[in-house]
């Protein structure tokens, strides 16, 4: 995100600390950010687009900070910490946004996470998959990530998502997912 986009995003997140997602207007965001509505619409289609871009920006920042992440687990841990730090804001978004729109945001997150996973597998040499196998693994992993996150958000984040992820990785022994390389 550029400087103006970040200012708009920060204004939106500040407003969500005290106001329900469905009650936030573009005018509220523009006023808080010190821009006009046209500027908002120049960068974002609507508040759903802004929400998705914030989630995406957070993930990109986490990936940049961990230039060569050791595992999907590492990125997930950082992402969950980020979500938890914004608990009330995330709850406002989840409880107010259309669930199909929220699922699309999660699918975007899952696309990036699976891309990271496949790159990790290729660079560590843990798996030599052909394109069809990569595509099948990608679809499976996306469904696991999105499904698990939907359940986590729907439960009010009532369980430890990172710990569940760690336990499942060990039980299912997915190559390339954990820091340890199985021999």
Protein backbone atom coordinates (compact mmCIF):
# COMPACT_ATOMS: atom_id res chain seq x y z
CA UNK A 1 0.00 0.00 0.00
CA UNK A 2 1.18 3.50 -0.70
CA UNK A 3 1.08 6.35 1.85
CA UNK A 4 -2.48 7.46 1.02
CA UNK A 5 -3.82 3.90 1.00
CA UNK A 6 -2.20 3.27 4.40
CA UNK A 7 -3.71 6.47 5.79
CA UNK A 8 -7.16 5.38 4.59
CA UNK A 9 -6.63 1.86 5.98
CA UNK A 10 -5.46 3.18 9.35
CA UNK A 11 -8.45 5.53 9.53
CA UNK A 12 -10.78 2.62 8.78
CA UNK A 13 -9.19 0.44 11.47
CA UNK A 14 -9.36 3.30 13.99
CA UNK A 15 -13.07 3.78 13.30
CA UNK A 16 -13.69 0.03 13.70
CA UNK A 17 -12.37 0.24 17.27
CA UNK A 18 -15.59 2.03 18.22
CA UNK A 19 -18.05 1.48 15.40
CA UNK A 20 -19.57 -1.62 13.82
CA UNK A 21 -18.30 -2.48 10.33
CA UNK A 22 -21.78 -2.20 8.81
CA UNK A 23 -22.17 1.31 10.26
CA UNK A 24 -18.92 2.67 8.82
CA UNK A 25 -19.40 4.80 5.74
CA UNK A 26 -16.93 5.84 3.09
CA UNK A 27 -17.51 9.42 4.25
CA UNK A 28 -16.49 8.42 7.81
CA UNK A 29 -13.29 6.87 6.51
CA UNK A 30 -12.48 9.74 4.14
CA UNK A 31 -13.07 12.35 6.84
CA UNK A 32 -10.91 10.51 9.38
CA UNK A 33 -8.14 10.01 6.78
CA UNK A 34 -8.27 13.64 5.68
CA UNK A 35 -9.11 12.79 2.07
CA UNK A 36 -12.23 13.19 -0.03
CA UNK A 37 -14.55 10.37 -1.10
CA UNK A 38 -13.18 10.47 -4.65
CA UNK A 39 -9.72 9.73 -3.28
CA UNK A 40 -11.12 6.75 -1.39
CA UNK A 41 -12.77 5.43 -4.55
CA UNK A 42 -9.62 6.03 -6.57
CA UNK A 43 -7.84 3.45 -4.41
CA UNK A 44 -10.68 1.14 -3.27
CA UNK A 45 -13.94 -0.09 -4.78
CA UNK A 46 -15.73 -0.19 -1.44
CA UNK A 47 -15.15 -1.09 2.23
CA UNK A 48 -15.02 -4.80 1.40
CA UNK A 49 -12.21 -4.16 -1.06
CA UNK A 50 -10.44 -2.07 1.60
CA UNK A 51 -10.86 -4.88 4.14
CA UNK A 52 -9.42 -7.45 1.75
CA UNK A 53 -6.49 -5.19 0.93
CA UNK A 54 -5.74 -4.71 4.64
CA UNK A 55 -5.68 -8.49 5.18
CA UNK A 56 -3.49 -8.86 2.08
CA UNK A 57 -1.15 -6.07 3.16
CA UNK A 58 -0.75 -7.69 6.58
CA UNK A 59 0.15 -11.02 4.99
CA UNK A 60 2.61 -9.37 2.59
CA UNK A 61 4.27 -7.57 5.51
CA UNK A 62 4.58 -10.83 7.44
CA UNK A 63 6.12 -12.56 4.42
CA UNK A 64 8.54 -9.64 3.87
CA UNK A 65 9.62 -9.73 7.52
CA UNK A 66 10.31 -13.45 7.16
CA UNK A 67 12.02 -13.24 3.78
CA UNK A 68 12.63 -16.97 3.74
CA UNK A 69 10.04 -18.33 6.17
CA UNK A 70 10.90 -21.71 7.60
CA UNK A 71 7.34 -22.93 7.31
CA UNK A 72 3.72 -22.13 6.73
CA UNK A 73 3.41 -22.49 10.50
CA UNK A 74 5.68 -19.49 11.03
CA UNK A 75 3.61 -17.28 8.74
CA UNK A 76 0.35 -18.51 10.23
CA UNK A 77 1.64 -17.80 13.75
CA UNK A 78 2.52 -14.22 12.83
CA UNK A 79 -0.79 -13.74 11.02
CA UNK A 80 -2.80 -15.05 13.98
CA UNK A 81 -0.88 -12.74 16.34
CA UNK A 82 -1.76 -9.86 14.04
CA UNK A 83 -5.44 -10.85 14.02
CA UNK A 84 -5.46 -11.26 17.81
CA UNK A 85 -3.90 -7.81 18.27
CA UNK A 86 -6.89 -6.39 16.38
CA UNK A 87 -9.44 -8.64 18.07
CA UNK A 88 -12.31 -6.20 18.41
CA UNK A 89 -11.79 -4.80 14.92
CA UNK A 90 -11.73 -8.29 13.40
CA UNK A 91 -14.86 -9.23 15.34
CA UNK A 92 -16.63 -6.11 14.01
CA UNK A 93 -15.65 -7.06 10.47
CA UNK A 94 -16.55 -10.74 10.81
CA UNK A 95 -19.91 -10.07 12.47
CA UNK A 96 -20.92 -7.39 9.97
CA UNK A 97 -19.59 -8.43 6.58
CA UNK A 98 -21.39 -10.73 4.19
CA UNK A 99 -19.95 -14.20 4.84
CA UNK A 100 -19.35 -14.81 1.12
CA UNK A 101 -17.28 -11.62 0.99
CA UNK A 102 -15.38 -12.64 4.11
CA UNK A 103 -14.74 -16.07 2.60
CA UNK A 104 -13.32 -14.38 -0.52
CA UNK A 105 -10.92 -12.45 1.71
CA UNK A 106 -9.85 -15.72 3.35
CA UNK A 107 -9.43 -17.37 -0.05
CA UNK A 108 -7.04 -14.56 -1.01
CA UNK A 109 -5.06 -15.25 2.16
CA UNK A 110 -5.09 -18.99 1.43
CA UNK A 111 -3.89 -18.45 -2.17
CA UNK A 112 -0.83 -16.61 -0.89
CA UNK A 113 -0.19 -19.11 1.91
CA UNK A 114 -0.36 -22.06 -0.48
CA UNK A 115 1.94 -20.31 -2.96
CA UNK A 116 4.40 -19.90 -0.08
CA UNK A 117 4.01 -23.57 0.84
CA UNK A 118 4.66 -24.80 -2.70
CA UNK A 119 7.73 -22.56 -3.02
CA UNK A 120 8.97 -23.88 0.31
CA UNK A 121 8.52 -27.46 -0.84
CA UNK A 122 10.36 -26.75 -4.10
CA UNK A 123 13.29 -24.98 -2.43
CA UNK A 124 13.79 -27.62 0.26
CA UNK A 125 13.50 -30.47 -2.19
CA UNK A 126 11.08 -32.24 0.15
CA UNK A 127 8.66 -32.93 -2.67
CA UNK A 128 9.04 -33.16 -6.40
CA UNK A 129 5.50 -32.57 -7.61
CA UNK A 130 4.27 -32.27 -11.16
CA UNK A 131 1.90 -29.42 -12.08
CA UNK A 132 -1.27 -31.50 -11.62
CA UNK A 133 -0.12 -32.64 -8.17
CA UNK A 134 0.73 -29.05 -7.20
CA UNK A 135 -2.71 -27.89 -8.34
CA UNK A 136 -4.47 -30.69 -6.40
CA UNK A 137 -2.38 -30.02 -3.29
CA UNK A 138 -3.09 -26.30 -3.65
CA UNK A 139 -6.86 -26.81 -3.80
CA UNK A 140 -6.76 -29.17 -0.83
CA UNK A 141 -4.61 -26.85 1.29
CA UNK A 142 -6.75 -23.82 0.42
CA UNK A 143 -9.88 -25.66 1.51
CA UNK A 144 -8.19 -26.64 4.79
CA UNK A 145 -6.96 -23.10 5.45
CA UNK A 146 -10.24 -21.38 4.55
CA UNK A 147 -12.39 -23.96 6.35
CA UNK A 148 -10.31 -23.84 9.49
CA UNK A 149 -10.24 -20.05 9.55
CA UNK A 150 -14.01 -19.82 8.97
CA UNK A 151 -14.54 -22.17 11.95
CA UNK A 152 -12.03 -20.17 14.02
CA UNK A 153 -13.74 -16.84 13.30
CA UNK A 154 -17.26 -18.31 13.71
CA UNK A 155 -16.27 -19.70 17.12
CA UNK A 156 -15.14 -16.26 18.23
CA UNK A 157 -11.52 -17.42 17.93
CA UNK A 158 -12.21 -19.76 20.85
CA UNK A 159 -9.41 -22.23 20.13
CA UNK A 160 -5.69 -21.90 19.53
CA UNK A 161 -5.44 -21.96 15.75
CA UNK A 162 -1.64 -22.11 15.75
CA UNK A 163 -1.59 -25.06 18.14
CA UNK A 164 -4.26 -26.88 16.09
CA UNK A 165 -2.16 -26.28 12.98
CA UNK A 166 0.96 -27.63 14.67
CA UNK A 167 -0.85 -30.74 15.93
CA UNK A 168 -2.37 -31.48 12.52
CA UNK A 169 0.92 -31.01 10.71
CA UNK A 170 2.54 -33.56 13.00
CA UNK A 171 -0.36 -36.00 12.74
CA UNK A 172 -0.70 -35.70 8.96
CA UNK A 173 3.04 -35.25 8.35
CA UNK A 174 2.66 -32.84 5.43
CA UNK A 175 6.13 -32.39 3.93
CA UNK A 176 7.42 -28.83 3.87
CA UNK A 177 4.85 -27.52 6.33
CA UNK A 178 6.86 -27.64 9.52
CA UNK A 179 10.30 -26.38 10.40
CA UNK A 180 11.62 -29.87 10.88
CA UNK A 181 12.50 -31.78 7.75
CA UNK A 182 11.41 -35.40 8.06
CA UNK A 183 14.01 -37.91 6.97
